Amino acid sequence: MENCQPDTWRTDDNDWLVGDAVNDPNVDEAAIAAHIRHVVDADPTLEPLATLPPGYQALRMSPQERWEIEPFTYLPDDEPFVAEDDRP
């Protein structure tokens, strides 16, 4: 959980997903399961997202920027993960 710029999602079934929007979380050992309290303790700027409605995500480019809130959808199973920096 160190040195990552989190993006945060709250799925329709009320699960929380926190990622860095750069690295593929499906690569072996790229993801961990953690209690949301540990995640917030590591990055207190996530605390205001506790009111994020199910089915929405919060994104930002740096810790100094404001969170952008928008609807969340999973990628289709046949669509590969492509980091923002790798897009044409």
N, C-alpha and C. Protein backbone atom coordinates (compact mmCIF):
# COMPACT_ATOMS: atom_id res chain seq x y z
N MET A 1 0.82 -1.19 0.00
CA MET A 1 0.00 0.00 0.00
C MET A 1 0.86 1.26 0.00
N GLU A 2 2.16 1.09 -0.04
CA GLU A 2 3.03 2.26 -0.02
C GLU A 2 3.25 2.79 -1.43
N ASN A 3 3.44 4.11 -1.51
CA ASN A 3 3.80 4.77 -2.76
C ASN A 3 2.81 4.55 -3.90
N CYS A 4 1.54 4.50 -3.58
CA CYS A 4 0.57 4.38 -4.66
C CYS A 4 -0.35 5.58 -4.62
N GLN A 5 -0.84 5.96 -5.78
CA GLN A 5 -1.82 7.04 -5.90
C GLN A 5 -3.17 6.38 -6.08
N PRO A 6 -3.96 6.27 -5.01
CA PRO A 6 -5.17 5.47 -5.13
C PRO A 6 -6.28 6.12 -5.93
N ASP A 7 -6.97 5.28 -6.62
CA ASP A 7 -8.30 5.56 -7.14
C ASP A 7 -9.20 4.63 -6.36
N THR A 8 -10.40 5.06 -6.06
CA THR A 8 -11.27 4.31 -5.17
C THR A 8 -12.62 4.07 -5.83
N TRP A 9 -13.08 2.84 -5.73
CA TRP A 9 -14.37 2.46 -6.29
C TRP A 9 -15.23 1.83 -5.21
N ARG A 10 -16.52 2.10 -5.26
CA ARG A 10 -17.48 1.41 -4.40
C ARG A 10 -18.45 0.72 -5.34
N THR A 11 -18.38 -0.60 -5.37
CA THR A 11 -19.17 -1.35 -6.34
C THR A 11 -20.65 -1.35 -5.95
N ASP A 12 -21.48 -1.76 -6.90
CA ASP A 12 -22.93 -1.80 -6.64
C ASP A 12 -23.29 -2.74 -5.50
N ASP A 13 -22.46 -3.75 -5.26
CA ASP A 13 -22.74 -4.67 -4.15
C ASP A 13 -22.01 -4.26 -2.87
N ASN A 14 -21.58 -2.99 -2.80
CA ASN A 14 -21.05 -2.36 -1.59
C ASN A 14 -19.63 -2.80 -1.22
N ASP A 15 -18.88 -3.36 -2.17
CA ASP A 15 -17.47 -3.64 -1.94
C ASP A 15 -16.66 -2.40 -2.28
N TRP A 16 -15.50 -2.27 -1.63
CA TRP A 16 -14.59 -1.17 -1.91
C TRP A 16 -13.37 -1.73 -2.63
N LEU A 17 -12.94 -1.05 -3.69
CA LEU A 17 -11.74 -1.41 -4.43
C LEU A 17 -10.84 -0.18 -4.44
N VAL A 18 -9.57 -0.36 -4.11
CA VAL A 18 -8.62 0.75 -4.13
C VAL A 18 -7.46 0.31 -5.00
N GLY A 19 -7.16 1.10 -6.00
CA GLY A 19 -6.06 0.78 -6.91
C GLY A 19 -5.30 2.03 -7.28
N ASP A 20 -4.26 1.85 -8.07
CA ASP A 20 -3.46 3.01 -8.44
C ASP A 20 -3.72 3.50 -9.86
N ALA A 21 -4.60 2.83 -10.60
CA ALA A 21 -4.96 3.22 -11.96
C ALA A 21 -3.76 3.25 -12.90
N VAL A 22 -2.70 2.58 -12.52
CA VAL A 22 -1.51 2.50 -13.36
C VAL A 22 -1.14 1.04 -13.59
N ASN A 23 -1.08 0.27 -12.53
CA ASN A 23 -0.63 -1.11 -12.61
C ASN A 23 -1.80 -2.08 -12.72
N ASP A 24 -1.59 -3.16 -13.45
CA ASP A 24 -2.60 -4.19 -13.62
C ASP A 24 -2.75 -4.97 -12.32
N PRO A 25 -3.91 -4.92 -11.67
CA PRO A 25 -4.09 -5.62 -10.40
C PRO A 25 -4.22 -7.14 -10.56
N ASN A 26 -4.28 -7.62 -11.80
CA ASN A 26 -4.45 -9.04 -12.04
C ASN A 26 -3.13 -9.80 -12.15
N VAL A 27 -2.02 -9.09 -12.14
CA VAL A 27 -0.70 -9.73 -12.18
C VAL A 27 -0.45 -10.39 -10.82
N ASP A 28 0.18 -11.56 -10.82
CA ASP A 28 0.47 -12.25 -9.56
C ASP A 28 1.15 -11.32 -8.57
N GLU A 29 0.66 -11.34 -7.34
CA GLU A 29 1.20 -10.58 -6.21
C GLU A 29 1.07 -9.06 -6.37
N ALA A 30 0.25 -8.60 -7.31
CA ALA A 30 0.06 -7.16 -7.50
C ALA A 30 -1.03 -6.59 -6.59
N ALA A 31 -1.87 -7.45 -6.03
CA ALA A 31 -2.98 -6.99 -5.21
C ALA A 31 -2.96 -7.68 -3.85
N ILE A 32 -3.48 -6.97 -2.87
CA ILE A 32 -3.62 -7.54 -1.53
C ILE A 32 -5.04 -7.25 -1.04
N ALA A 33 -5.48 -7.99 -0.07
CA ALA A 33 -6.74 -7.70 0.61
C ALA A 33 -6.39 -7.01 1.92
N ALA A 34 -7.07 -5.92 2.20
CA ALA A 34 -6.81 -5.17 3.43
C ALA A 34 -8.12 -4.59 3.94
N HIS A 35 -8.23 -4.45 5.23
CA HIS A 35 -9.38 -3.79 5.83
C HIS A 35 -9.32 -2.31 5.42
N ILE A 36 -10.47 -1.74 5.09
CA ILE A 36 -10.51 -0.36 4.62
C ILE A 36 -9.90 0.60 5.64
N ARG A 37 -9.98 0.28 6.92
CA ARG A 37 -9.38 1.15 7.94
C ARG A 37 -7.87 1.25 7.76
N HIS A 38 -7.21 0.13 7.40
CA HIS A 38 -5.76 0.17 7.16
C HIS A 38 -5.43 1.02 5.94
N VAL A 39 -6.28 0.96 4.94
CA VAL A 39 -6.07 1.76 3.73
C VAL A 39 -6.20 3.25 4.08
N VAL A 40 -7.23 3.61 4.83
CA VAL A 40 -7.43 5.01 5.21
C VAL A 40 -6.32 5.47 6.16
N ASP A 41 -5.86 4.61 7.04
CA ASP A 41 -4.75 4.98 7.91
C ASP A 41 -3.50 5.29 7.09
N ALA A 42 -3.29 4.54 6.00
CA ALA A 42 -2.12 4.77 5.14
C ALA A 42 -2.28 6.05 4.31
N ASP A 43 -3.52 6.42 4.00
CA ASP A 43 -3.79 7.64 3.22
C ASP A 43 -5.05 8.30 3.74
N PRO A 44 -4.93 9.19 4.73
CA PRO A 44 -6.10 9.83 5.34
C PRO A 44 -6.94 10.65 4.36
N THR A 45 -6.41 10.99 3.19
CA THR A 45 -7.21 11.76 2.23
C THR A 45 -8.35 10.92 1.65
N LEU A 46 -8.35 9.61 1.93
CA LEU A 46 -9.44 8.75 1.49
C LEU A 46 -10.67 8.85 2.39
N GLU A 47 -10.49 9.33 3.60
CA GLU A 47 -11.58 9.36 4.60
C GLU A 47 -12.86 10.02 4.08
N PRO A 48 -12.79 11.17 3.39
CA PRO A 48 -14.03 11.79 2.91
C PRO A 48 -14.81 10.93 1.92
N LEU A 49 -14.17 9.91 1.35
CA LEU A 49 -14.85 9.07 0.38
C LEU A 49 -15.77 8.04 1.03
N ALA A 50 -15.86 8.06 2.35
CA ALA A 50 -16.75 7.13 3.05
C ALA A 50 -18.20 7.31 2.60
N THR A 51 -18.54 8.48 2.11
CA THR A 51 -19.92 8.74 1.65
C THR A 51 -20.10 8.49 0.16
N LEU A 52 -19.07 7.95 -0.50
CA LEU A 52 -19.18 7.63 -1.92
C LEU A 52 -20.32 6.64 -2.13
N PRO A 53 -21.29 6.96 -2.98
CA PRO A 53 -22.42 6.04 -3.17
C PRO A 53 -21.99 4.76 -3.89
N PRO A 54 -22.66 3.64 -3.62
CA PRO A 54 -22.37 2.43 -4.38
C PRO A 54 -22.51 2.68 -5.88
N GLY A 55 -21.60 2.08 -6.66
CA GLY A 55 -21.64 2.24 -8.10
C GLY A 55 -20.88 3.46 -8.62
N TYR A 56 -20.11 4.12 -7.75
CA TYR A 56 -19.35 5.31 -8.15
C TYR A 56 -17.88 5.11 -7.85
N GLN A 57 -17.04 5.93 -8.51
CA GLN A 57 -15.61 5.89 -8.26
C GLN A 57 -15.10 7.31 -8.05
N ALA A 58 -13.98 7.40 -7.35
CA ALA A 58 -13.31 8.68 -7.11
C ALA A 58 -11.92 8.57 -7.73
N LEU A 59 -11.58 9.54 -8.56
CA LEU A 59 -10.30 9.55 -9.26
C LEU A 59 -9.61 10.89 -9.05
N ARG A 60 -8.28 10.87 -9.06
CA ARG A 60 -7.51 12.12 -9.04
C ARG A 60 -6.11 11.82 -9.56
N MET A 61 -5.45 12.84 -10.07
CA MET A 61 -4.13 12.66 -10.66
C MET A 61 -3.01 12.78 -9.63
N SER A 62 -3.27 13.46 -8.51
CA SER A 62 -2.25 13.60 -7.46
C SER A 62 -2.96 13.89 -6.14
N PRO A 63 -2.26 13.69 -5.03
CA PRO A 63 -2.88 13.98 -3.72
C PRO A 63 -3.26 15.44 -3.54
N GLN A 64 -2.68 16.34 -4.30
CA GLN A 64 -2.99 17.76 -4.18
C GLN A 64 -4.27 18.14 -4.93
N GLU A 65 -4.75 17.26 -5.79
CA GLU A 65 -5.94 17.56 -6.58
C GLU A 65 -7.20 17.07 -5.89
N ARG A 66 -8.32 17.63 -6.30
CA ARG A 66 -9.62 17.22 -5.76
C ARG A 66 -10.05 15.90 -6.38
N TRP A 67 -10.83 15.14 -5.63
CA TRP A 67 -11.39 13.89 -6.15
C TRP A 67 -12.44 14.21 -7.20
N GLU A 68 -12.44 13.48 -8.29
CA GLU A 68 -13.48 13.55 -9.32
C GLU A 68 -14.36 12.32 -9.11
N ILE A 69 -15.65 12.52 -8.94
CA ILE A 69 -16.59 11.44 -8.69
C ILE A 69 -17.37 11.15 -9.98
N GLU A 70 -17.44 9.87 -10.34
CA GLU A 70 -18.18 9.48 -11.55
C GLU A 70 -18.68 8.05 -11.40
N PRO A 71 -19.66 7.66 -12.21
CA PRO A 71 -20.15 6.27 -12.15
C PRO A 71 -19.02 5.28 -12.46
N PHE A 72 -19.10 4.11 -11.85
CA PHE A 72 -18.11 3.06 -12.02
C PHE A 72 -18.70 1.88 -12.75
N THR A 73 -17.95 1.33 -13.70
CA THR A 73 -18.32 0.07 -14.35
C THR A 73 -17.06 -0.76 -14.52
N TYR A 74 -17.20 -2.06 -14.41
CA TYR A 74 -16.08 -2.96 -14.66
C TYR A 74 -15.77 -2.98 -16.15
N LEU A 75 -14.49 -3.23 -16.48
CA LEU A 75 -14.12 -3.46 -17.88
C LEU A 75 -14.74 -4.78 -18.32
N PRO A 76 -15.12 -4.89 -19.59
CA PRO A 76 -15.59 -6.19 -20.08
C PRO A 76 -14.46 -7.22 -19.94
N ASP A 77 -14.82 -8.49 -19.77
CA ASP A 77 -13.83 -9.54 -19.58
C ASP A 77 -12.83 -9.63 -20.71
N ASP A 78 -13.24 -9.27 -21.93
CA ASP A 78 -12.33 -9.38 -23.07
C ASP A 78 -11.53 -8.11 -23.35
N GLU A 79 -11.68 -7.08 -22.51
CA GLU A 79 -10.93 -5.84 -22.69
C GLU A 79 -9.72 -5.83 -21.75
N PRO A 80 -8.50 -5.76 -22.31
CA PRO A 80 -7.31 -5.79 -21.45
C PRO A 80 -7.13 -4.47 -20.70
N PHE A 81 -6.47 -4.56 -19.56
CA PHE A 81 -6.14 -3.37 -18.80
C PHE A 81 -5.06 -2.59 -19.55
N VAL A 82 -5.27 -1.30 -19.73
CA VAL A 82 -4.27 -0.44 -20.35
C VAL A 82 -4.13 0.79 -19.47
N ALA A 83 -2.93 1.03 -18.98
CA ALA A 83 -2.69 2.19 -18.13
C ALA A 83 -2.87 3.46 -18.94
N GLU A 84 -3.29 4.54 -18.26
CA GLU A 84 -3.50 5.83 -18.92
C GLU A 84 -2.28 6.24 -19.74
N ASP A 85 -1.08 6.05 -19.20
CA ASP A 85 0.15 6.47 -19.88
C ASP A 85 0.46 5.63 -21.11
N ASP A 86 -0.13 4.44 -21.23
CA ASP A 86 0.14 3.55 -22.35
C ASP A 86 -0.88 3.68 -23.48
N ARG A 87 -1.89 4.51 -23.29
CA ARG A 87 -2.92 4.64 -24.31
C ARG A 87 -2.41 5.46 -25.48
N PRO A 88 -2.80 5.07 -26.71
CA PRO A 88 -2.34 5.81 -27.90
C PRO A 88 -2.93 7.21 -27.97
